[in-house]
């Protein structure tokens, strides 16, 4: 079941609109723009969550970020070499 849809009129630079239309594919420009706005809302929500966490716990250091990147890389490498899993 699809969600209710409302029509809106928006303005955007012509070059952006033309690039979006060219990439929108069979779902059309409206679906492409809606997906882009949904991604932006997700990013905004994440930014708010990060700001709240940093306000409570202090800023995340570059070292902490790199440690998590290394941890994720090792986990992906382990998953790709585990004979019980299959890389997608």
N, C-alpha and C. Protein backbone atom coordinates (compact mmCIF):
# COMPACT_ATOMS: atom_id res chain seq x y z
N UNK A 1 0.85 -1.18 0.00
CA UNK A 1 0.00 0.00 0.00
C UNK A 1 0.89 1.24 0.00
N UNK A 2 0.65 2.14 -0.91
CA UNK A 2 1.49 3.33 -1.00
C UNK A 2 0.95 4.45 -0.10
N UNK A 3 1.86 5.34 0.24
CA UNK A 3 1.49 6.46 1.09
C UNK A 3 0.72 7.50 0.29
N UNK A 4 -0.11 8.30 0.98
CA UNK A 4 -0.81 9.38 0.28
C UNK A 4 0.20 10.35 -0.33
N UNK A 5 -0.14 10.90 -1.45
CA UNK A 5 0.75 11.81 -2.16
C UNK A 5 0.07 13.15 -2.33
N UNK A 6 0.83 14.22 -2.15
CA UNK A 6 0.35 15.56 -2.43
C UNK A 6 1.25 16.18 -3.47
N UNK A 7 0.71 17.06 -4.25
CA UNK A 7 1.50 17.75 -5.26
C UNK A 7 2.00 19.07 -4.69
N UNK A 8 3.26 19.38 -5.03
CA UNK A 8 3.89 20.63 -4.62
C UNK A 8 4.56 21.24 -5.83
N UNK A 9 4.69 22.53 -5.80
CA UNK A 9 5.44 23.23 -6.83
C UNK A 9 6.74 23.69 -6.19
N UNK A 10 7.87 23.30 -6.78
CA UNK A 10 9.17 23.72 -6.26
C UNK A 10 9.97 24.39 -7.37
N UNK A 11 10.92 25.18 -6.97
CA UNK A 11 11.82 25.82 -7.93
C UNK A 11 13.23 25.36 -7.64
N UNK A 12 13.99 25.10 -8.69
CA UNK A 12 15.39 24.73 -8.54
C UNK A 12 16.14 25.19 -9.78
N UNK A 13 17.45 25.33 -9.65
CA UNK A 13 18.24 25.73 -10.82
C UNK A 13 18.02 24.75 -11.99
N UNK A 14 17.98 25.29 -13.16
CA UNK A 14 17.69 24.50 -14.36
C UNK A 14 18.67 23.35 -14.55
N UNK A 15 19.97 23.59 -14.33
CA UNK A 15 20.95 22.53 -14.55
C UNK A 15 20.73 21.37 -13.59
N UNK A 16 20.35 21.66 -12.35
CA UNK A 16 20.07 20.60 -11.38
C UNK A 16 18.81 19.83 -11.80
N UNK A 17 17.78 20.56 -12.21
CA UNK A 17 16.54 19.92 -12.63
C UNK A 17 16.77 19.02 -13.84
N UNK A 18 17.56 19.49 -14.80
CA UNK A 18 17.83 18.70 -16.00
C UNK A 18 18.65 17.46 -15.66
N UNK A 19 19.63 17.59 -14.77
CA UNK A 19 20.44 16.44 -14.36
C UNK A 19 19.57 15.43 -13.61
N UNK A 20 18.69 15.91 -12.75
CA UNK A 20 17.80 15.02 -12.01
C UNK A 20 16.85 14.30 -12.96
N UNK A 21 16.29 15.01 -13.90
CA UNK A 21 15.38 14.40 -14.87
C UNK A 21 16.11 13.32 -15.69
N UNK A 22 17.34 13.60 -16.07
CA UNK A 22 18.12 12.64 -16.85
C UNK A 22 18.42 11.37 -16.06
N UNK A 23 18.52 11.48 -14.74
CA UNK A 23 18.85 10.34 -13.89
C UNK A 23 17.63 9.67 -13.27
N UNK A 24 16.48 10.26 -13.43
CA UNK A 24 15.30 9.79 -12.70
C UNK A 24 14.79 8.43 -13.16
N UNK A 25 15.07 8.07 -14.38
CA UNK A 25 14.65 6.76 -14.87
C UNK A 25 13.15 6.60 -14.95
N UNK A 26 12.70 5.34 -14.96
CA UNK A 26 11.28 5.08 -15.17
C UNK A 26 10.38 5.53 -14.01
N UNK A 27 10.93 5.71 -12.82
CA UNK A 27 10.10 6.14 -11.70
C UNK A 27 9.73 7.61 -11.81
N UNK A 28 10.48 8.37 -12.57
CA UNK A 28 10.14 9.76 -12.81
C UNK A 28 10.81 10.74 -11.87
N UNK A 29 10.73 12.00 -12.27
CA UNK A 29 11.38 13.07 -11.53
C UNK A 29 10.83 13.22 -10.12
N UNK A 30 9.53 13.11 -9.95
CA UNK A 30 8.94 13.28 -8.62
C UNK A 30 9.48 12.25 -7.63
N UNK A 31 9.57 11.00 -8.04
CA UNK A 31 10.10 9.96 -7.16
C UNK A 31 11.58 10.20 -6.87
N UNK A 32 12.32 10.66 -7.87
CA UNK A 32 13.75 10.95 -7.68
C UNK A 32 13.95 12.06 -6.66
N UNK A 33 13.17 13.13 -6.80
CA UNK A 33 13.27 14.26 -5.88
C UNK A 33 12.82 13.84 -4.49
N UNK A 34 11.75 13.07 -4.38
CA UNK A 34 11.27 12.61 -3.08
C UNK A 34 12.34 11.77 -2.37
N UNK A 35 13.03 10.90 -3.10
CA UNK A 35 14.09 10.09 -2.51
C UNK A 35 15.25 10.96 -2.05
N UNK A 36 15.59 11.98 -2.83
CA UNK A 36 16.67 12.89 -2.45
C UNK A 36 16.31 13.66 -1.18
N UNK A 37 15.08 14.12 -1.08
CA UNK A 37 14.63 14.84 0.11
C UNK A 37 14.62 13.90 1.31
N UNK A 38 14.18 12.67 1.13
CA UNK A 38 14.17 11.69 2.22
C UNK A 38 15.59 11.44 2.73
N UNK A 39 16.56 11.32 1.83
CA UNK A 39 17.96 11.15 2.25
C UNK A 39 18.46 12.36 3.02
N UNK A 40 18.08 13.56 2.58
CA UNK A 40 18.51 14.77 3.28
C UNK A 40 17.90 14.82 4.68
N UNK A 41 16.66 14.42 4.82
CA UNK A 41 16.02 14.39 6.15
C UNK A 41 16.76 13.40 7.04
N UNK A 42 17.13 12.23 6.52
CA UNK A 42 17.90 11.26 7.29
C UNK A 42 19.23 11.86 7.74
N UNK A 43 19.90 12.57 6.86
CA UNK A 43 21.18 13.22 7.22
C UNK A 43 20.97 14.28 8.29
N UNK A 44 19.91 15.08 8.14
CA UNK A 44 19.62 16.11 9.14
C UNK A 44 19.35 15.48 10.49
N UNK A 45 18.58 14.39 10.50
CA UNK A 45 18.30 13.69 11.76
C UNK A 45 19.58 13.14 12.37
N UNK A 46 20.46 12.60 11.56
CA UNK A 46 21.73 12.08 12.06
C UNK A 46 22.59 13.21 12.62
N UNK A 47 22.62 14.35 11.94
CA UNK A 47 23.37 15.51 12.44
C UNK A 47 22.85 15.93 13.81
N UNK A 48 21.52 15.92 13.98
CA UNK A 48 20.93 16.28 15.27
C UNK A 48 21.32 15.27 16.34
N UNK A 49 21.31 13.99 16.00
CA UNK A 49 21.69 12.94 16.95
C UNK A 49 23.16 13.08 17.35
N UNK A 50 24.03 13.34 16.39
CA UNK A 50 25.45 13.53 16.67
C UNK A 50 25.65 14.75 17.57
N UNK A 51 24.97 15.85 17.26
CA UNK A 51 25.10 17.06 18.08
C UNK A 51 24.65 16.79 19.51
N UNK A 52 23.56 16.06 19.69
CA UNK A 52 23.08 15.75 21.04
C UNK A 52 24.07 14.85 21.78
N UNK A 53 24.62 13.86 21.09
CA UNK A 53 25.60 12.96 21.72
C UNK A 53 26.87 13.71 22.08
N UNK A 54 27.33 14.59 21.19
CA UNK A 54 28.54 15.36 21.48
C UNK A 54 28.30 16.36 22.60
N UNK A 55 27.09 16.91 22.70
CA UNK A 55 26.79 17.83 23.80
C UNK A 55 26.84 17.10 25.13
N UNK A 56 26.43 15.84 25.14
CA UNK A 56 26.42 15.06 26.37
C UNK A 56 27.77 14.44 26.68
N UNK A 57 28.49 13.96 25.65
CA UNK A 57 29.70 13.18 25.87
C UNK A 57 30.98 13.84 25.35
N UNK A 58 30.87 14.96 24.70
CA UNK A 58 32.03 15.62 24.11
C UNK A 58 32.20 15.21 22.67
N UNK A 59 33.00 15.95 21.93
CA UNK A 59 33.19 15.66 20.51
C UNK A 59 33.89 14.33 20.28
N UNK A 60 33.60 13.76 19.12
CA UNK A 60 34.23 12.52 18.70
C UNK A 60 35.59 12.89 18.10
N UNK A 61 36.64 12.22 18.56
CA UNK A 61 37.98 12.54 18.06
C UNK A 61 38.25 11.81 16.75
N UNK A 62 39.21 12.32 16.01
CA UNK A 62 39.64 11.66 14.76
C UNK A 62 40.15 10.25 15.06
N UNK A 63 40.80 10.08 16.20
CA UNK A 63 41.31 8.77 16.57
C UNK A 63 40.16 7.78 16.77
N UNK A 64 39.09 8.23 17.41
CA UNK A 64 37.92 7.36 17.61
C UNK A 64 37.27 6.99 16.27
N UNK A 65 37.19 7.96 15.38
CA UNK A 65 36.62 7.71 14.07
C UNK A 65 37.48 6.70 13.31
N UNK A 66 38.80 6.88 13.33
CA UNK A 66 39.69 5.96 12.63
C UNK A 66 39.63 4.57 13.23
N UNK A 67 39.52 4.48 14.56
CA UNK A 67 39.43 3.17 15.22
C UNK A 67 38.18 2.43 14.74
N UNK A 68 37.06 3.12 14.60
CA UNK A 68 35.82 2.48 14.12
C UNK A 68 35.95 2.08 12.66
N UNK A 69 36.58 2.93 11.85
CA UNK A 69 36.79 2.57 10.44
C UNK A 69 37.63 1.30 10.34
N UNK A 70 38.69 1.23 11.15
CA UNK A 70 39.55 0.05 11.15
C UNK A 70 38.77 -1.18 11.60
N UNK A 71 37.94 -1.01 12.62
CA UNK A 71 37.12 -2.13 13.13
C UNK A 71 36.17 -2.62 12.04
N UNK A 72 35.49 -1.71 11.34
CA UNK A 72 34.57 -2.10 10.28
C UNK A 72 35.31 -2.79 9.14
N UNK A 73 36.50 -2.24 8.78
CA UNK A 73 37.29 -2.85 7.70
C UNK A 73 37.68 -4.28 8.06
N UNK A 74 38.14 -4.49 9.29
CA UNK A 74 38.52 -5.84 9.72
C UNK A 74 37.31 -6.77 9.72
N UNK A 75 36.16 -6.27 10.14
CA UNK A 75 34.95 -7.10 10.15
C UNK A 75 34.54 -7.48 8.73
N UNK A 76 34.63 -6.54 7.79
CA UNK A 76 34.31 -6.85 6.38
C UNK A 76 35.29 -7.86 5.83
N UNK A 77 36.57 -7.68 6.12
CA UNK A 77 37.58 -8.62 5.64
C UNK A 77 37.34 -10.01 6.21
N UNK A 78 37.00 -10.08 7.49
CA UNK A 78 36.72 -11.38 8.12
C UNK A 78 35.49 -12.02 7.50
N UNK A 79 34.49 -11.22 7.21
CA UNK A 79 33.26 -11.75 6.61
C UNK A 79 33.54 -12.28 5.20
N UNK A 80 34.38 -11.58 4.47
CA UNK A 80 34.69 -11.99 3.09
C UNK A 80 35.59 -13.21 3.04
N UNK A 81 36.31 -13.51 4.10
CA UNK A 81 37.18 -14.68 4.11
C UNK A 81 36.57 -15.85 4.86
N UNK A 82 35.44 -15.64 5.52
CA UNK A 82 34.76 -16.70 6.28
C UNK A 82 34.09 -17.65 5.27
N UNK A 83 34.47 -18.94 5.28
CA UNK A 83 33.89 -19.88 4.28
C UNK A 83 32.39 -20.09 4.47
N UNK A 84 31.85 -19.70 5.60
CA UNK A 84 30.41 -19.86 5.84
C UNK A 84 29.58 -18.71 5.28
N UNK A 85 30.24 -17.68 4.74
CA UNK A 85 29.50 -16.54 4.18
C UNK A 85 29.85 -16.38 2.72
N UNK A 86 29.02 -15.67 2.03
CA UNK A 86 29.24 -15.39 0.62
C UNK A 86 29.18 -13.90 0.41
N UNK A 87 30.16 -13.35 -0.26
CA UNK A 87 30.16 -11.93 -0.56
C UNK A 87 29.06 -11.64 -1.57
N UNK A 88 28.39 -10.53 -1.37
CA UNK A 88 27.30 -10.15 -2.27
C UNK A 88 27.81 -9.44 -3.48
